[in-house]
């Protein structure tokens, strides 16, 4: 019968997701023997490993060891304080991604006050008073 193989236990189904037994992987043998070696690292692992390495930082007369990620973040903050707009934009993006602006209710309240505030010298207010 085409599409099936006879075995000692009877007939086995051969087809979609059921390969013939002679072509199945043998127990303990990998389907990709030349694949990624054990202990190999992907880009994310290497990136985190490099950023977590320590560097020496001189703070006045003291020398501190901090991670490369902290050193980069400190340089971005110093650049923003000096008035560098690129550093400021990067700092705000980093703060947003880190969750620094999670409490947005206060910001929305301030926006509402600023948007709905009208000056006493505004001519539209004076017209309303005249009509009343």
Protein backbone atom coordinates (compact mmCIF):
# COMPACT_ATOMS: atom_id res chain seq x y z
CA UNK A 1 0.00 0.00 0.00
CA UNK A 2 1.58 3.37 -0.98
CA UNK A 3 2.17 5.89 1.82
CA UNK A 4 2.55 3.41 4.68
CA UNK A 5 5.26 1.09 5.97
CA UNK A 6 4.71 -2.33 7.46
CA UNK A 7 6.33 -2.99 10.83
CA UNK A 8 6.30 -5.91 13.25
CA UNK A 9 3.61 -4.15 15.32
CA UNK A 10 1.46 -3.53 12.27
CA UNK A 11 1.13 -0.73 9.81
CA UNK A 12 2.29 2.80 10.69
CA UNK A 13 0.91 5.96 9.23
CA UNK A 14 3.27 7.88 6.95
CA UNK A 15 2.52 11.40 5.78
CA UNK A 16 2.36 14.92 7.14
CA UNK A 17 4.29 15.08 10.47
CA UNK A 18 4.76 11.31 10.35
CA UNK A 19 8.03 10.52 8.53
CA UNK A 20 9.05 6.95 7.80
CA UNK A 21 10.92 5.35 10.70
CA UNK A 22 14.09 4.78 8.66
CA UNK A 23 14.44 8.54 8.03
CA UNK A 24 13.62 9.74 11.58
CA UNK A 25 16.39 11.10 13.81
CA UNK A 26 17.96 8.39 15.92
CA UNK A 27 17.75 8.89 19.71
CA UNK A 28 20.65 11.01 21.00
CA UNK A 29 21.60 12.34 17.56
CA UNK A 30 21.07 16.04 16.82
CA UNK A 31 19.17 17.18 13.78
CA UNK A 32 21.72 19.99 13.31
CA UNK A 33 25.15 18.59 14.20
CA UNK A 34 27.04 21.64 12.93
CA UNK A 35 24.74 24.12 14.68
CA UNK A 36 25.58 26.78 17.26
CA UNK A 37 28.22 25.49 19.66
CA UNK A 38 27.48 25.27 23.38
CA UNK A 39 28.46 28.43 25.19
CA UNK A 40 28.10 30.58 22.07
CA UNK A 41 26.62 33.99 22.80
CA UNK A 42 24.13 36.00 20.83
CA UNK A 43 24.29 39.77 20.29
CA UNK A 44 22.12 40.65 23.29
CA UNK A 45 24.27 38.58 25.66
CA UNK A 46 27.49 40.11 24.32
CA UNK A 47 26.03 43.63 24.51
CA UNK A 48 25.01 43.19 28.15
CA UNK A 49 28.35 41.58 29.01
CA UNK A 50 30.32 44.50 27.54
CA UNK A 51 28.13 47.16 29.19
CA UNK A 52 28.52 45.46 32.58
CA UNK A 53 32.33 45.55 32.45
CA UNK A 54 33.87 47.97 34.91
CA UNK A 55 36.01 51.01 34.13
CA UNK A 56 37.91 53.36 36.43
CA UNK A 57 36.39 56.81 36.91
CA UNK A 58 38.22 59.66 38.62
CA UNK A 59 35.95 61.67 40.89
CA UNK A 60 38.13 64.45 42.29
CA UNK A 61 41.00 62.67 44.02
CA UNK A 62 39.15 59.35 44.32
CA UNK A 63 39.06 56.62 41.70
CA UNK A 64 35.82 54.64 41.53
CA UNK A 65 35.01 51.54 39.51
CA UNK A 66 31.68 51.77 37.71
CA UNK A 67 30.08 49.86 34.84
CA UNK A 68 30.44 51.11 31.28
CA UNK A 69 26.67 51.61 31.11
CA UNK A 70 26.79 53.90 34.15
CA UNK A 71 29.75 55.81 32.68
CA UNK A 72 27.85 56.37 29.42
CA UNK A 73 24.75 57.52 31.29
CA UNK A 74 26.82 59.91 33.40
CA UNK A 75 28.37 61.41 30.25
CA UNK A 76 24.90 61.90 28.72
CA UNK A 77 23.71 63.70 31.87
CA UNK A 78 26.82 65.92 31.96
CA UNK A 79 26.33 66.77 28.27
CA UNK A 80 22.69 67.67 28.90
CA UNK A 81 23.68 69.90 31.81
CA UNK A 82 26.20 71.68 29.59
CA UNK A 83 23.41 72.51 27.13
CA UNK A 84 24.02 69.88 24.44
CA UNK A 85 20.58 69.38 22.85
CA UNK A 86 21.42 65.91 21.50
CA UNK A 87 22.41 64.73 24.97
CA UNK A 88 19.27 66.26 26.44
CA UNK A 89 17.06 64.53 23.86
CA UNK A 90 18.82 61.22 24.48
CA UNK A 91 18.46 61.64 28.25
CA UNK A 92 14.73 62.31 27.94
CA UNK A 93 14.29 59.25 25.68
CA UNK A 94 16.22 57.08 28.14
CA UNK A 95 14.16 58.41 31.05
CA UNK A 96 10.96 57.68 29.16
CA UNK A 97 12.05 54.11 28.38
CA UNK A 98 13.15 53.59 31.99
CA UNK A 99 9.73 54.70 33.24
CA UNK A 100 10.73 58.12 34.50
CA UNK A 101 7.48 59.67 33.25
CA UNK A 102 5.01 57.05 34.48
CA UNK A 103 3.15 59.48 36.73
CA UNK A 104 1.57 61.45 33.88
CA UNK A 105 -1.58 62.50 35.72
CA UNK A 106 0.19 65.52 37.19
CA UNK A 107 1.52 66.50 33.77
CA UNK A 108 -1.98 66.25 32.27
CA UNK A 109 -3.38 68.42 35.04
CA UNK A 110 -0.77 71.09 34.38
CA UNK A 111 -1.51 70.95 30.65
CA UNK A 112 -5.21 71.46 31.32
CA UNK A 113 -4.54 74.49 33.49
CA UNK A 114 -2.21 76.06 30.95
CA UNK A 115 -4.50 75.37 27.99
CA UNK A 116 -7.69 76.66 29.66
CA UNK A 117 -6.12 79.66 31.39
CA UNK A 118 -7.15 83.03 29.98
CA UNK A 119 -5.52 86.36 30.60
CA UNK A 120 -7.61 89.08 32.31
CA UNK A 121 -6.55 91.41 29.51
CA UNK A 122 -7.88 89.02 26.86
CA UNK A 123 -10.43 90.87 24.65
CA UNK A 124 -12.72 87.82 24.51
CA UNK A 125 -13.27 87.99 28.30
CA UNK A 126 -14.15 91.69 28.17
CA UNK A 127 -16.79 91.04 25.49
CA UNK A 128 -18.41 88.37 27.68
CA UNK A 129 -18.57 90.84 30.59
CA UNK A 130 -20.15 93.47 28.37
CA UNK A 131 -22.85 91.05 27.25
CA UNK A 132 -23.71 90.05 30.82
